[in-house]
C-alpha atoms as a PDB file:
ATOM      1  CA  MET A   1     118.355  66.758  25.041  1.00  0.00           C
ATOM      2  CA  LEU A   2     118.715  68.482  21.715  1.00  0.00           C
ATOM      3  CA  THR A   3     121.916  68.315  19.646  1.00  0.00           C
ATOM      4  CA  ILE A   4     122.405  71.111  17.126  1.00  0.00           C
ATOM      5  CA  GLU A   5     125.177  70.670  14.550  1.00  0.00           C
ATOM      6  CA  THR A   6     126.193  73.561  12.302  1.00  0.00           C
ATOM      7  CA  PRO A   7     129.048  73.735   9.801  1.00  0.00           C
ATOM      8  CA  ILE A   8     131.115  76.867  10.363  1.00  0.00           C
ATOM      9  CA  PRO A   9     133.425  78.653   7.980  1.00  0.00           C
ATOM     10  CA  PHE A  10     136.756  79.045   9.715  1.00  0.00           C
ATOM     11  CA  PRO A  11     139.268  81.562   8.425  1.00  0.00           C
ATOM     12  CA  THR A  12     142.638  80.015   7.786  1.00  0.00           C
ATOM     13  CA  ALA A  13     144.578  83.214   8.539  1.00  0.00           C
ATOM     14  CA  TYR A  14     145.863  81.837  11.857  1.00  0.00           C
ATOM     15  CA  PRO A  15     147.659  78.503  11.601  1.00  0.00           C
ATOM     16  CA  LEU A  16     145.833  76.580  14.326  1.00  0.00           C
ATOM     17  CA  SER A  17     147.975  73.589  13.502  1.00  0.00           C
ATOM     18  CA  ARG A  18     150.607  75.319  15.669  1.00  0.00           C
ATOM     19  CA  LEU A  19     148.524  74.080  18.597  1.00  0.00           C
ATOM     20  CA  GLY A  20     148.859  70.504  17.402  1.00  0.00           C
ATOM     21  CA  LYS A  21     146.800  68.174  15.274  1.00  0.00           C
ATOM     22  CA  LEU A  22     143.509  69.949  14.433  1.00  0.00           C
ATOM     23  CA  GLU A  23     141.464  66.835  15.196  1.00  0.00           C
ATOM     24  CA  ASN A  24     142.715  67.006  18.796  1.00  0.00           C
ATOM     25  CA  LEU A  25     141.419  70.568  19.381  1.00  0.00           C
ATOM     26  CA  LEU A  26     138.083  71.391  20.965  1.00  0.00           C
ATOM     27  CA  PHE A  27     136.900  74.949  21.577  1.00  0.00           C
ATOM     28  CA  PHE A  28     134.070  75.091  24.107  1.00  0.00           C
ATOM     29  CA  ASP A  29     131.853  77.308  26.237  1.00  0.00           C
ATOM     30  CA  ILE A  30     128.997  76.636  28.642  1.00  0.00           C
ATOM     31  CA  GLU A  31     125.787  78.378  29.629  1.00  0.00           C
ATOM     32  CA  THR A  32     124.347  77.863  33.094  1.00  0.00           C
ATOM     33  CA  THR A  33     121.292  78.997  35.026  1.00  0.00           C
ATOM     34  CA  GLY A  34     123.525  80.553  37.685  1.00  0.00           C
ATOM     35  CA  LEU A  35     127.068  80.902  38.913  1.00  0.00           C
ATOM     36  CA  SER A  36     127.092  78.249  41.642  1.00  0.00           C
ATOM     37  CA  HIS A  37     127.242  74.581  40.677  1.00  0.00           C
ATOM     38  CA  ARG A  38     125.339  73.819  43.884  1.00  0.00           C
ATOM     39  CA  ASN A  39     122.078  75.520  42.930  1.00  0.00           C
ATOM     40  CA  SER A  40     122.124  75.912  39.160  1.00  0.00           C
ATOM     41  CA  ARG A  41     122.302  73.733  36.068  1.00  0.00           C
ATOM     42  CA  VAL A  42     124.396  73.657  32.945  1.00  0.00           C
ATOM     43  CA  TYR A  43     121.809  73.883  30.181  1.00  0.00           C
ATOM     44  CA  LEU A  44     124.023  74.340  27.118  1.00  0.00           C
ATOM     45  CA  ILE A  45     127.498  73.261  26.105  1.00  0.00           C
ATOM     46  CA  GLY A  46     128.744  74.530  22.786  1.00  0.00           C
ATOM     47  CA  ALA A  47     131.841  73.235  21.047  1.00  0.00           C
ATOM     48  CA  ALA A  48     133.722  73.919  17.831  1.00  0.00           C
ATOM     49  CA  LEU A  49     135.905  71.218  16.357  1.00  0.00           C
ATOM     50  CA  CYS A  50     137.551  70.059  13.177  1.00  0.00           C
ATOM     51  CA  ALA A  51     136.347  66.758  11.747  1.00  0.00           C
ATOM     52  CA  GLU A  52     137.640  65.435   8.451  1.00  0.00           C
ATOM     53  CA  GLY A  53     139.142  68.820   7.619  1.00  0.00           C
ATOM     54  CA  LYS A  54     135.893  70.740   8.167  1.00  0.00           C
ATOM     55  CA  TRP A  55     134.956  72.883  11.142  1.00  0.00           C
ATOM     56  CA  GLU A  56     131.614  72.468  12.859  1.00  0.00           C
ATOM     57  CA  MET A  57     129.820  73.731  15.895  1.00  0.00           C
ATOM     58  CA  ILE A  58     127.949  71.290  18.097  1.00  0.00           C
ATOM     59  CA  GLN A  59     125.606  72.445  20.832  1.00  0.00           C
ATOM     60  CA  PHE A  60     124.064  70.206  23.476  1.00  0.00           C
ATOM     61  CA  LEU A  61     120.922  71.817  24.894  1.00  0.00           C
ATOM     62  CA  ALA A  62     118.861  70.562  27.815  1.00  0.00           C
ATOM     63  CA  GLN A  63     115.253  70.723  26.660  1.00  0.00           C
ATOM     64  CA  GLU A  64     114.004  71.085  30.198  1.00  0.00           C
ATOM     65  CA  GLU A  65     115.581  72.250  33.419  1.00  0.00           C
ATOM     66  CA  SER A  66     115.980  68.857  35.050  1.00  0.00           C
ATOM     67  CA  GLU A  67     118.669  66.629  36.480  1.00  0.00           C
ATOM     68  CA  GLU A  68     118.087  64.043  33.729  1.00  0.00           C
ATOM     69  CA  GLU A  69     118.524  66.575  30.914  1.00  0.00           C
ATOM     70  CA  GLU A  70     121.608  68.077  32.538  1.00  0.00           C
ATOM     71  CA  ARG A  71     123.118  64.589  32.816  1.00  0.00           C
ATOM     72  CA  ALA A  72     122.356  63.939  29.136  1.00  0.00           C
ATOM     73  CA  VAL A  73     124.164  67.171  28.181  1.00  0.00           C
ATOM     74  CA  LEU A  74     127.165  66.192  30.319  1.00  0.00           C
ATOM     75  CA  GLU A  75     127.287  62.685  28.845  1.00  0.00           C
ATOM     76  CA  ALA A  76     127.049  63.982  25.274  1.00  0.00           C
ATOM     77  CA  PHE A  77     129.882  66.450  25.896  1.00  0.00           C
ATOM     78  CA  GLN A  78     131.943  63.740  27.596  1.00  0.00           C
ATOM     79  CA  SER A  79     131.523  61.538  24.538  1.00  0.00           C
ATOM     80  CA  LEU A  80     132.494  64.372  22.185  1.00  0.00           C
ATOM     81  CA  CYS A  81     135.637  65.029  24.236  1.00  0.00           C
ATOM     82  CA  ALA A  82     136.763  61.396  24.301  1.00  0.00           C
ATOM     83  CA  GLN A  83     139.279  61.767  21.467  1.00  0.00           C
ATOM     84  CA  LYS A  84     140.315  65.363  22.173  1.00  0.00           C
ATOM     85  CA  ARG A  85     143.628  66.273  23.767  1.00  0.00           C
ATOM     86  CA  CYS A  86     143.514  70.087  23.780  1.00  0.00           C
ATOM     87  CA  PHE A  87     140.674  72.246  25.099  1.00  0.00           C
ATOM     88  CA  VAL A  88     140.511  75.935  24.185  1.00  0.00           C
ATOM     89  CA  HIS A  89     138.268  78.311  26.139  1.00  0.00           C
ATOM     90  CA  PHE A  90     137.888  81.852  27.420  1.00  0.00           C
ATOM     91  CA  ASN A  91     138.199  82.081  31.208  1.00  0.00           C
ATOM     92  CA  GLY A  92     137.305  78.401  31.408  1.00  0.00           C
ATOM     93  CA  SER A  93     140.063  77.728  33.943  1.00  0.00           C
ATOM     94  CA  THR A  94     138.257  79.945  36.427  1.00  0.00           C
ATOM     95  CA  PHE A  95     134.607  79.109  35.706  1.00  0.00           C
ATOM     96  CA  ASP A  96     133.682  76.567  33.022  1.00  0.00           C
ATOM     97  CA  ILE A  97     136.067  73.757  33.918  1.00  0.00           C
ATOM     98  CA  PRO A  98     135.610  73.891  37.726  1.00  0.00           C
ATOM     99  CA  TYR A  99     131.835  74.162  37.261  1.00  0.00           C
ATOM    100  CA  LEU A 100     131.764  71.163  34.937  1.00  0.00           C
ATOM    101  CA  GLN A 101     134.104  69.144  37.157  1.00  0.00           C
ATOM    102  CA  HIS A 102     131.683  69.587  40.062  1.00  0.00           C
ATOM    103  CA  LYS A 103     128.762  68.585  37.853  1.00  0.00           C
ATOM    104  CA  TYR A 104     130.552  65.496  36.532  1.00  0.00           C
ATOM    105  CA  GLN A 105     131.498  64.510  40.078  1.00  0.00           C
ATOM    106  CA  SER A 106     127.941  64.916  41.363  1.00  0.00           C
ATOM    107  CA  CYS A 107     126.679  62.740  38.483  1.00  0.00           C
ATOM    108  CA  ARG A 108     129.424  60.178  39.167  1.00  0.00           C
ATOM    109  CA  LEU A 109     130.858  60.693  35.682  1.00  0.00           C
ATOM    110  CA  THR A 110     134.466  61.227  34.657  1.00  0.00           C
ATOM    111  CA  ALA A 111     135.256  64.808  33.688  1.00  0.00           C
ATOM    112  CA  PRO A 112     136.769  64.927  30.200  1.00  0.00           C
ATOM    113  CA  PHE A 113     139.539  67.404  31.092  1.00  0.00           C
ATOM    114  CA  THR A 114     141.709  65.159  33.242  1.00  0.00           C
ATOM    115  CA  ASP A 115     144.679  64.428  30.979  1.00  0.00           C
ATOM    116  CA  ALA A 116     144.244  67.146  28.364  1.00  0.00           C
ATOM    117  CA  VAL A 117     146.023  70.394  27.611  1.00  0.00           C
ATOM    118  CA  SER A 118     143.950  73.417  28.547  1.00  0.00           C
ATOM    119  CA  ILE A 119     144.427  76.723  26.720  1.00  0.00           C
ATOM    120  CA  ASP A 120     142.692  79.637  28.421  1.00  0.00           C
ATOM    121  CA  LEU A 121     142.632  82.581  26.006  1.00  0.00           C
ATOM    122  CA  TYR A 122     141.745  84.949  28.867  1.00  0.00           C
ATOM    123  CA  ARG A 123     144.942  84.082  30.724  1.00  0.00           C
ATOM    124  CA  ILE A 124     147.067  84.206  27.575  1.00  0.00           C
ATOM    125  CA  LEU A 125     145.761  87.656  26.616  1.00  0.00           C
ATOM    126  CA  GLN A 126     145.740  89.122  30.151  1.00  0.00           C
ATOM    127  CA  PRO A 127     149.342  90.464  30.026  1.00  0.00           C
ATOM    128  CA  PHE A 128     148.428  92.382  26.860  1.00  0.00           C
ATOM    129  CA  ARG A 129     145.363  94.022  28.394  1.00  0.00           C
ATOM    130  CA  PRO A 130     146.843  97.565  28.518  1.00  0.00           C
ATOM    131  CA  LEU A 131     147.798  97.358  24.847  1.00  0.00           C
ATOM    132  CA  LEU A 132     144.406  96.151  23.664  1.00  0.00           C
ATOM    133  CA  GLN A 133     142.545  99.269  24.804  1.00  0.00           C
ATOM    134  CA  THR A 134     139.129  97.660  25.143  1.00  0.00           C
ATOM    135  CA  PRO A 135     136.401  99.028  27.441  1.00  0.00           C
ATOM    136  CA  ASN A 136     136.663  95.829  29.505  1.00  0.00           C
ATOM    137  CA  PHE A 137     138.260  92.411  29.212  1.00  0.00           C
ATOM    138  CA  ARG A 138     135.175  90.401  28.317  1.00  0.00           C
ATOM    139  CA  GLN A 139     135.098  88.061  25.355  1.00  0.00           C
ATOM    140  CA  LYS A 140     132.555  90.277  23.571  1.00  0.00           C
ATOM    141  CA  SER A 141     134.957  93.233  23.784  1.00  0.00           C
ATOM    142  CA  LEU A 142     137.927  91.265  22.473  1.00  0.00           C
ATOM    143  CA  GLU A 143     136.191  89.540  19.548  1.00  0.00           C
ATOM    144  CA  PRO A 144     136.257  92.608  17.227  1.00  0.00           C
ATOM    145  CA  LEU A 145     140.060  92.687  17.569  1.00  0.00           C
ATOM    146  CA  ALA A 146     140.105  89.289  15.861  1.00  0.00           C
ATOM    147  CA  GLY A 147     137.702  90.459  13.159  1.00  0.00           C
ATOM    148  CA  TYR A 148     134.740  88.559  14.583  1.00  0.00           C
ATOM    149  CA  LYS A 149     131.355  90.265  14.370  1.00  0.00           C
ATOM    150  CA  ARG A 150     128.994  88.823  16.942  1.00  0.00           C
ATOM    151  CA  GLN A 151     125.408  88.353  15.794  1.00  0.00           C
ATOM    152  CA  ASP A 152     123.761  87.844  19.164  1.00  0.00           C
ATOM    153  CA  THR A 153     123.109  90.773  21.451  1.00  0.00           C
ATOM    154  CA  MET A 154     122.223  89.029  24.716  1.00  0.00           C
ATOM    155  CA  ASP A 155     124.488  88.235  27.610  1.00  0.00           C
ATOM    156  CA  GLY A 156     124.438  85.042  29.656  1.00  0.00           C
ATOM    157  CA  LYS A 157     122.084  86.461  32.284  1.00  0.00           C
ATOM    158  CA  GLU A 158     119.508  87.450  29.652  1.00  0.00           C
ATOM    159  CA  LEU A 159     119.798  84.038  27.998  1.00  0.00           C
ATOM    160  CA  ILE A 160     118.743  82.289  31.215  1.00  0.00           C
ATOM    161  CA  LYS A 161     115.272  83.842  30.852  1.00  0.00           C
ATOM    162  CA  VAL A 162     115.140  82.839  27.179  1.00  0.00           C
ATOM    163  CA  TYR A 163     116.190  79.291  28.057  1.00  0.00           C
ATOM    164  CA  ARG A 164     113.627  78.939  30.832  1.00  0.00           C
ATOM    165  CA  THR A 165     110.878  80.166  28.500  1.00  0.00           C
ATOM    166  CA  TYR A 166     112.027  77.661  25.861  1.00  0.00           C
ATOM    167  CA  ALA A 167     112.146  74.849  28.439  1.00  0.00           C
ATOM    168  CA  LYS A 168     108.539  75.600  29.439  1.00  0.00           C
ATOM    169  CA  THR A 169     107.052  76.257  25.993  1.00  0.00           C
ATOM    170  CA  GLY A 170     109.298  74.447  23.491  1.00  0.00           C
ATOM    171  CA  GLN A 171     108.972  77.511  21.264  1.00  0.00           C
ATOM    172  CA  GLU A 172     111.512  76.818  18.496  1.00  0.00           C
ATOM    173  CA  SER A 173     112.003  80.480  17.537  1.00  0.00           C
ATOM    174  CA  LEU A 174     113.765  80.957  20.893  1.00  0.00           C
ATOM    175  CA  LEU A 175     116.526  78.539  19.801  1.00  0.00           C
ATOM    176  CA  LYS A 176     117.892  81.141  17.411  1.00  0.00           C
ATOM    177  CA  LEU A 177     118.503  83.526  20.309  1.00  0.00           C
END
């Protein structure tokens, strides 16, 4: 498993401290090789968190599509979550969290979400959908409203092919995608 840590500049325009102590917050997203936990793997878990007053992104990437690598990713994320009390995600209540709970259960590991607060931005923003006037209600469509300019151009389905090529070849240039 590969761990990628990147400092991230975080605008202070929104007072995230309204959500509680910053050190308790964890923003996260997952990438999987399919939609069913039964016949796919989680190959990447990305998280953003505040440590010692600085924001950083941590990504746990399975270097091969195997049960052992998937377990290593799950264990690393579980460890990262140990001190967190509030998880922030986009549509994670519907997909990410149930998917991960199944994976943790099948690996006989404790899911890190059990006693934490879960903030699903999708559900919070859903009542405002008519006002937002976006072409759809995907994260990519909502990000510009918050002033975020996405650098990547691929969707999750396209990234599966990139991941599988990386897992077979180890070609480092694919990590940037």
